[in-house]
Amino acid sequence: MTLVTKRPTRAVTIGVDTHSLVHHAAALDANGQMLGDRRFSTDLVGYQQLLDWADGFGTISAVGVECTGSYGAGLTRHLLAAGLDVLEVNRGHALVRSRSGKNDVIDAEAAARKVLSGECSSPAKDTTGAVEAIRNLHLIRDSAVKSRTATLVQLRDILVTAPAALRGRLNAKTLQAKAMQARSLRPDLVRLDEPEQAAKYALRELGRRAFELTAQINDVDKHLNRLVTAVAPTTMTLPQVGPVSAAQLLITAGENISRFPSEAAFARLCGVAPIPVASGKSHRMRLHRGGNRQANRAIYLITVGRLKSDPRSQAYLERKQSQGHSKSDVIRSLKRFVARELYYALKKDLQLHTRIVPDTNVSIGSAA
């Protein structure tokens, strides 16, 4: 009787350099030996071809993907649905690129080596749940707010040089109210060659634009408030945390908040982690200036709001100022505390939401 011995299964690490039209993948074995590389299209057929190609080298241990939140989002969802471990890979530093050059093969291989060495070990963001829906709505609201601000600034600038009689008609106290008044202007379209009539026309159109953008913002706020309240009820009960701030923090944390090893990692991402800046006789800390600046802004607004209305924060401010600390120092400390409080509230909400929402991921066979 002949004994058949099975060959050991080879562990394979995949790195993917992502683009808008094509993805380039590279495969490495456990010893870092290059097994091959290939280019694939950025559609379901290409995603499946990449998966089949990588599976031909052995058992896939992990896949490192660049830009999992943008160009690599579709591929990341496909790989996660297949049950693979997908890790977020940061783009290489400019100094490294200047030494070794840059092309798709080099970038894909570098992504795989970062995963193999343990340099990149953070799981990719999960974009298959309600947080991704919140991100899309928040994106629309943010762009509408910026457009409305630009519109009101333009209206203000036109009023500065408009005829005195026209300025007198738009006598409201706020720019938003002036825009509502401007909607009722009736320029003579035949006499648009006259500066006054042209100013009337411009002000009317800007007023209408501001009104439409305000209506759009209010409409999005209704949907955003409903979604955020359903996903993060614990976070919404915290002082000075509204739906817009909670939405931004949910987007920053992602659906799978477990990818953060600790609340300190979340604080680092939000730019509120203290780092030492001591020199000589000076011994002090400052906050990390990197990370997600939108989340940092949300935490700052929450902190400032608490100093105005939250008894705990006001008592802390008085105690620290009595010890000789400045208000800026107090705000830095409170931002770190707020980040910690938000992390545990978000973690509770997202873990509960994940248990309640059924798994809707399709299998690879049906997706392909």
Protein backbone atom coordinates (compact mmCIF):
# COMPACT_ATOMS: atom_id res chain seq x y z
CA MET A 1 0.00 0.00 0.00
CA THR A 2 1.41 3.37 -1.08
CA LEU A 3 1.07 6.27 1.33
CA VAL A 4 0.20 9.58 -0.31
CA THR A 5 1.66 12.55 1.51
CA LYS A 6 0.07 15.94 1.01
CA ARG A 7 2.31 18.84 0.19
CA PRO A 8 2.17 21.66 2.74
CA THR A 9 -0.08 24.52 1.72
CA ARG A 10 1.85 27.65 0.84
CA ALA A 11 0.79 30.86 2.60
CA VAL A 12 0.49 33.80 0.21
CA THR A 13 0.38 37.54 0.92
CA ILE A 14 -1.17 39.79 -1.71
CA GLY A 15 -0.52 43.48 -2.24
CA VAL A 16 -2.69 45.65 -4.47
CA ASP A 17 -1.90 49.04 -5.97
CA THR A 18 -5.29 50.58 -6.76
CA HIS A 19 -6.32 53.00 -9.50
CA SER A 20 -9.59 54.20 -10.99
CA LEU A 21 -9.54 51.88 -14.05
CA VAL A 22 -7.11 49.07 -13.15
CA HIS A 23 -5.65 47.41 -10.06
CA HIS A 24 -2.19 45.85 -10.02
CA ALA A 25 -1.62 42.92 -7.67
CA ALA A 26 1.57 41.21 -6.49
CA ALA A 27 1.90 37.90 -4.62
CA LEU A 28 4.62 36.99 -2.09
CA ASP A 29 5.25 33.76 -0.22
CA ALA A 30 5.97 33.58 3.52
CA ASN A 31 9.69 34.18 2.89
CA GLY A 32 9.07 37.33 0.86
CA GLN A 33 9.78 35.66 -2.49
CA MET A 34 7.96 37.29 -5.39
CA LEU A 35 5.55 34.78 -6.94
CA GLY A 36 4.04 36.97 -9.65
CA ASP A 37 2.16 40.13 -10.48
CA ARG A 38 -0.75 40.97 -12.77
CA ARG A 39 -3.14 43.77 -13.71
CA PHE A 40 -6.93 43.51 -13.34
CA SER A 41 -9.90 45.66 -14.26
CA THR A 42 -11.88 47.54 -11.60
CA ASP A 43 -15.18 45.68 -11.94
CA LEU A 44 -16.74 42.53 -10.54
CA VAL A 45 -15.16 40.40 -13.26
CA GLY A 46 -11.73 41.86 -12.50
CA TYR A 47 -12.20 41.41 -8.76
CA GLN A 48 -13.03 37.75 -9.22
CA GLN A 49 -10.13 37.24 -11.62
CA LEU A 50 -7.76 38.75 -9.06
CA LEU A 51 -9.13 36.44 -6.37
CA ASP A 52 -8.80 33.34 -8.58
CA TRP A 53 -5.30 34.36 -9.66
CA ALA A 54 -4.14 34.86 -6.07
CA ASP A 55 -5.75 31.61 -4.93
CA GLY A 56 -3.71 29.74 -7.52
CA PHE A 57 -0.49 30.43 -5.59
CA GLY A 58 -1.72 28.89 -2.32
CA THR A 59 -3.72 29.89 0.73
CA ILE A 60 -4.21 33.65 0.95
CA SER A 61 -3.18 34.75 4.44
CA ALA A 62 -3.89 38.49 4.00
CA VAL A 63 -4.41 41.12 1.34
CA GLY A 64 -2.94 44.59 1.62
CA VAL A 65 -4.91 47.16 -0.38
CA GLU A 66 -4.09 50.82 -0.92
CA CYS A 67 -6.89 53.42 -0.72
CA THR A 68 -9.54 51.07 0.68
CA GLY A 69 -11.83 54.06 1.16
CA SER A 70 -11.64 55.31 -2.43
CA TYR A 71 -10.17 53.47 -5.44
CA GLY A 72 -9.96 50.20 -3.54
CA ALA A 73 -13.40 50.31 -1.92
CA GLY A 74 -15.09 47.97 -4.40
CA LEU A 75 -12.25 45.43 -4.29
CA THR A 76 -12.18 45.59 -0.49
CA ARG A 77 -15.90 44.77 -0.26
CA HIS A 78 -15.43 41.87 -2.68
CA LEU A 79 -12.51 40.41 -0.73
CA LEU A 80 -14.24 40.82 2.63
CA ALA A 81 -17.30 39.05 1.24
CA ALA A 82 -14.98 36.16 0.31
CA GLY A 83 -13.88 35.89 3.94
CA LEU A 84 -10.34 37.25 3.48
CA ASP A 85 -8.40 39.48 5.86
CA VAL A 86 -8.01 42.85 4.13
CA LEU A 87 -5.56 45.36 5.60
CA GLU A 88 -5.25 49.07 4.90
CA VAL A 89 -1.89 49.95 3.34
CA ASN A 90 -0.60 53.51 3.42
CA ARG A 91 1.12 54.93 0.37
CA GLY A 92 4.90 54.89 0.47
CA HIS A 93 6.88 57.92 1.61
CA ALA A 94 8.40 60.23 -0.99
CA LEU A 95 11.92 59.41 0.23
CA VAL A 96 11.39 55.68 -0.34
CA ARG A 97 9.91 56.30 -3.79
CA SER A 98 12.89 58.46 -4.75
CA ARG A 99 15.27 55.62 -3.88
CA SER A 100 13.51 52.66 -5.46
CA GLY A 101 11.45 54.38 -8.15
CA LYS A 102 7.71 54.09 -8.64
CA ASN A 103 5.48 52.02 -10.87
CA ASP A 104 2.50 49.72 -10.36
CA VAL A 105 4.61 46.60 -9.82
CA ILE A 106 6.84 48.28 -7.23
CA ASP A 107 3.85 49.74 -5.37
CA ALA A 108 1.95 46.42 -5.33
CA GLU A 109 5.01 44.55 -4.09
CA ALA A 110 5.65 47.21 -1.43
CA ALA A 111 2.04 46.85 -0.23
CA ALA A 112 2.47 43.10 0.16
CA ARG A 113 5.79 43.51 2.00
CA LYS A 114 4.26 46.00 4.44
CA VAL A 115 1.61 43.43 5.34
CA LEU A 116 4.14 40.59 5.55
CA SER A 117 6.46 42.56 7.84
CA GLY A 118 3.63 43.72 10.10
CA GLU A 119 4.16 47.39 9.27
CA CYS A 120 0.53 47.62 8.17
CA SER A 121 -1.82 45.62 10.38
CA SER A 122 -4.99 47.72 10.59
CA PRO A 123 -8.11 46.12 9.08
CA ALA A 124 -9.71 48.01 6.21
CA LYS A 125 -12.83 50.06 6.84
CA ASP A 126 -16.10 48.19 6.38
CA THR A 127 -18.17 50.15 3.85
CA THR A 128 -21.12 47.75 3.62
CA GLY A 129 -23.28 49.11 6.45
CA ALA A 130 -25.24 52.12 7.62
CA VAL A 131 -22.12 54.18 8.34
CA GLU A 132 -21.35 54.27 4.61
CA ALA A 133 -24.89 55.55 4.01
CA ILE A 134 -24.32 58.24 6.64
CA ARG A 135 -21.06 59.19 4.91
CA ASN A 136 -22.84 59.76 1.61
CA LEU A 137 -25.51 61.95 3.20
CA HIS A 138 -22.91 63.88 5.21
CA LEU A 139 -20.94 64.48 2.02
CA ILE A 140 -23.98 66.06 0.34
CA ARG A 141 -24.69 68.23 3.37
CA ASP A 142 -21.09 69.39 3.67
CA SER A 143 -20.89 70.44 0.04
CA ALA A 144 -24.26 72.22 0.27
CA VAL A 145 -23.14 74.15 3.37
CA LYS A 146 -19.92 75.23 1.65
CA SER A 147 -21.83 76.29 -1.46
CA ARG A 148 -24.32 78.29 0.61
CA THR A 149 -21.49 80.02 2.46
CA ALA A 150 -19.84 80.96 -0.83
CA THR A 151 -23.19 82.21 -2.16
CA LEU A 152 -23.82 84.42 0.88
CA VAL A 153 -20.29 85.84 0.68
CA GLN A 154 -20.85 86.73 -2.97
CA LEU A 155 -24.17 88.37 -2.08
CA ARG A 156 -22.44 90.42 0.61
CA ASP A 157 -19.71 91.52 -1.80
CA ILE A 158 -22.23 92.66 -4.40
CA LEU A 159 -24.11 94.66 -1.77
CA VAL A 160 -20.93 96.52 -0.86
CA THR A 161 -20.78 98.15 -4.30
CA ALA A 162 -24.51 98.19 -5.09
CA PRO A 163 -26.43 101.51 -5.34
CA ALA A 164 -27.49 102.97 -2.01
CA ALA A 165 -31.20 102.58 -2.76
CA LEU A 166 -30.74 98.87 -3.45
CA ARG A 167 -28.69 98.40 -0.30
CA GLY A 168 -31.45 100.10 1.66
CA ARG A 169 -34.03 97.59 0.43
CA LEU A 170 -31.99 94.66 1.73
CA ASN A 171 -31.87 95.88 5.35
CA ALA A 172 -32.09 92.59 7.24
CA LYS A 173 -29.54 91.93 9.97
CA THR A 174 -28.13 88.60 8.75
CA LEU A 175 -26.86 87.53 5.35
CA GLN A 176 -29.34 84.65 5.30
CA ALA A 177 -32.22 87.09 5.81
CA LYS A 178 -30.81 89.45 3.17
CA ALA A 179 -30.75 86.53 0.75
CA MET A 180 -34.43 85.88 1.45
CA GLN A 181 -35.17 89.56 0.74
CA ALA A 182 -33.15 89.43 -2.48
CA ARG A 183 -35.40 86.68 -3.85
CA SER A 184 -38.22 89.23 -4.23
CA LEU A 185 -36.21 91.65 -6.41
CA ARG A 186 -37.59 92.24 -9.90
CA PRO A 187 -34.84 93.37 -12.28
CA ASP A 188 -35.68 94.75 -15.71
CA LEU A 189 -34.18 92.12 -18.02
CA VAL A 190 -34.25 94.54 -20.95
CA ARG A 191 -32.00 96.98 -19.08
CA LEU A 192 -29.36 94.58 -17.81
CA ASP A 193 -26.70 96.80 -19.34
CA GLU A 194 -27.36 99.16 -16.41
CA PRO A 195 -25.34 98.35 -13.26
CA GLU A 196 -28.34 98.68 -10.95
CA GLN A 197 -30.47 96.21 -12.92
CA ALA A 198 -27.55 93.80 -13.26
CA ALA A 199 -26.97 94.02 -9.50
CA LYS A 200 -30.66 93.28 -8.89
CA TYR A 201 -30.49 90.26 -11.17
CA ALA A 202 -27.32 88.93 -9.52
CA LEU A 203 -28.73 89.43 -6.02
CA ARG A 204 -32.00 87.72 -6.93
CA GLU A 205 -30.23 84.69 -8.39
CA LEU A 206 -27.92 84.43 -5.39
CA GLY A 207 -30.91 84.69 -3.06
CA ARG A 208 -32.70 81.89 -4.91
CA ARG A 209 -29.56 79.77 -4.83
CA ALA A 210 -29.16 80.28 -1.08
CA PHE A 211 -32.83 79.38 -0.54
CA GLU A 212 -32.52 76.17 -2.57
CA LEU A 213 -29.33 75.15 -0.78
CA THR A 214 -30.93 75.80 2.61
CA ALA A 215 -33.91 73.63 1.64
CA GLN A 216 -31.51 70.89 0.53
CA ILE A 217 -29.56 71.09 3.80
CA ASN A 218 -32.76 70.89 5.86
CA ASP A 219 -33.95 67.89 3.85
CA VAL A 220 -30.65 66.04 4.28
CA ASP A 221 -30.61 66.88 8.01
CA LYS A 222 -33.92 65.03 8.48
CA HIS A 223 -32.55 61.83 6.93
CA LEU A 224 -29.18 62.22 8.64
CA ASN A 225 -30.77 62.72 12.05
CA ARG A 226 -32.89 59.60 11.61
CA LEU A 227 -29.95 57.42 10.54
CA VAL A 228 -27.53 58.68 13.18
CA THR A 229 -30.08 58.29 15.98
CA ALA A 230 -30.74 54.70 14.89
CA VAL A 231 -27.05 53.76 14.61
CA ALA A 232 -25.56 55.71 17.55
CA PRO A 233 -28.22 56.33 20.25
CA THR A 234 -25.67 56.23 23.10
CA THR A 235 -23.38 58.73 21.40
CA MET A 236 -26.27 61.09 20.74
CA THR A 237 -27.06 61.27 24.48
CA LEU A 238 -23.64 62.71 25.30
CA PRO A 239 -23.54 66.45 26.07
CA GLN A 240 -23.19 68.75 23.06
CA VAL A 241 -23.15 65.86 20.55
CA GLY A 242 -25.55 66.57 17.71
CA PRO A 243 -26.38 64.54 14.59
CA VAL A 244 -23.82 66.31 12.38
CA SER A 245 -20.95 65.83 14.85
CA ALA A 246 -22.00 62.24 15.55
CA ALA A 247 -22.16 61.55 11.82
CA GLN A 248 -18.61 62.80 11.31
CA LEU A 249 -17.33 60.72 14.22
CA LEU A 250 -19.10 57.61 12.89
CA ILE A 251 -17.50 58.19 9.49
CA THR A 252 -14.07 58.54 11.10
CA ALA A 253 -14.48 55.43 13.25
CA GLY A 254 -16.00 53.29 10.51
CA GLU A 255 -18.48 50.44 10.77
CA ASN A 256 -15.84 48.10 12.25
CA ILE A 257 -14.56 50.19 15.13
CA SER A 258 -12.79 47.10 16.47
CA ARG A 259 -9.98 47.91 14.01
CA PHE A 260 -8.80 50.39 16.66
CA PRO A 261 -6.73 48.48 19.24
CA SER A 262 -7.51 51.06 21.94
CA GLU A 263 -9.14 54.39 22.63
CA ALA A 264 -5.67 55.95 22.39
CA ALA A 265 -5.48 54.90 18.74
CA PHE A 266 -8.84 56.58 18.10
CA ALA A 267 -7.59 59.75 19.82
CA ARG A 268 -4.50 59.66 17.63
CA LEU A 269 -6.63 59.43 14.49
CA CYS A 270 -8.71 62.40 15.69
CA GLY A 271 -5.59 64.49 16.34
CA VAL A 272 -6.11 64.82 20.10
CA ALA A 273 -3.37 62.49 21.35
CA PRO A 274 -0.89 64.35 23.62
CA ILE A 275 2.77 64.27 22.63
CA PRO A 276 5.69 65.71 24.64
CA VAL A 277 7.32 68.98 23.52
CA ALA A 278 9.61 69.44 26.51
CA SER A 279 12.87 71.29 25.95
CA GLY A 280 15.34 72.45 28.60
CA LYS A 281 13.41 73.82 31.55
CA SER A 282 10.08 73.61 29.71
CA HIS A 283 7.98 70.53 30.42
CA ARG A 284 4.68 70.46 28.59
CA MET A 285 2.54 68.50 26.17
CA ARG A 286 0.70 69.42 23.02
CA LEU A 287 -1.84 67.61 20.86
CA HIS A 288 -0.89 65.64 17.79
CA ARG A 289 -1.63 67.80 14.73
CA GLY A 290 -2.13 64.95 12.28
CA GLY A 291 -5.10 62.65 11.83
CA ASN A 292 -8.58 63.37 10.58
CA ARG A 293 -9.08 67.13 10.78
CA GLN A 294 -12.87 66.92 10.36
CA ALA A 295 -13.11 64.67 13.43
CA ASN A 296 -10.76 67.00 15.27
CA ARG A 297 -13.03 69.93 14.46
CA ALA A 298 -16.10 68.02 15.68
CA ILE A 299 -14.38 67.21 19.00
CA TYR A 300 -13.29 70.84 19.38
CA LEU A 301 -16.84 72.13 18.87
CA ILE A 302 -18.16 69.60 21.39
CA THR A 303 -15.52 70.67 23.91
CA VAL A 304 -16.19 74.39 23.50
CA GLY A 305 -19.92 73.77 23.79
CA ARG A 306 -19.42 71.85 27.02
CA LEU A 307 -17.43 74.70 28.54
CA LYS A 308 -20.52 76.86 28.08
CA SER A 309 -23.19 74.48 29.37
CA ASP A 310 -21.76 71.31 30.97
CA PRO A 311 -21.24 71.60 34.77
CA ARG A 312 -18.49 68.95 34.78
CA SER A 313 -16.43 70.79 32.17
CA GLN A 314 -16.97 74.16 33.84
CA ALA A 315 -15.83 72.77 37.20
CA TYR A 316 -12.75 71.26 35.55
CA LEU A 317 -11.95 74.61 33.90
CA GLU A 318 -12.13 76.45 37.22
CA ARG A 319 -9.99 73.87 39.01
CA LYS A 320 -7.25 73.84 36.34
CA GLN A 321 -7.19 77.64 36.05
CA SER A 322 -6.79 77.89 39.84
CA GLN A 323 -3.70 75.71 39.43
CA GLY A 324 -2.20 78.14 36.94
CA HIS A 325 -3.19 76.43 33.67
CA SER A 326 -4.41 78.48 30.71
CA LYS A 327 -7.77 77.97 29.03
CA SER A 328 -5.99 76.55 25.96
CA ASP A 329 -4.37 73.90 28.15
CA VAL A 330 -7.76 73.04 29.62
CA ILE A 331 -9.30 72.70 26.16
CA ARG A 332 -6.49 70.36 25.08
CA SER A 333 -7.07 68.16 28.12
CA LEU A 334 -10.83 68.18 27.65
CA LYS A 335 -10.51 67.23 23.97
CA ARG A 336 -8.59 64.13 25.00
CA PHE A 337 -11.27 63.27 27.57
CA VAL A 338 -14.05 63.83 25.03
CA ALA A 339 -12.30 61.55 22.55
CA ARG A 340 -12.13 58.79 25.16
CA GLU A 341 -15.79 59.21 26.04
CA LEU A 342 -16.82 59.23 22.39
CA TYR A 343 -14.77 56.13 21.60
CA TYR A 344 -16.51 53.94 24.17
CA ALA A 345 -19.94 55.30 23.23
CA LEU A 346 -19.30 54.67 19.53
CA LYS A 347 -17.92 51.22 20.27
CA LYS A 348 -21.04 50.30 22.23
CA ASP A 349 -23.35 51.63 19.53
CA LEU A 350 -21.55 50.04 16.59
CA GLN A 351 -21.15 46.65 18.24
CA LEU A 352 -24.83 46.61 19.15
CA HIS A 353 -25.79 47.79 15.64
CA THR A 354 -23.66 45.04 14.06
CA ARG A 355 -25.40 42.38 16.15
CA ILE A 356 -28.85 43.68 15.24
CA VAL A 357 -28.37 44.22 11.51
CA PRO A 358 -28.36 40.92 9.58
CA ASP A 359 -25.42 40.07 7.33
CA THR A 360 -26.29 41.09 3.77
CA ASN A 361 -22.97 40.26 2.13
CA VAL A 362 -23.43 38.23 -1.03
CA SER A 363 -21.32 35.23 -1.79
CA ILE A 364 -18.56 35.36 -4.37
CA GLY A 365 -20.42 33.08 -6.67
CA SER A 366 -23.50 35.27 -6.79
CA ALA A 367 -21.43 38.47 -6.93
CA ALA A 368 -19.44 37.26 -9.89
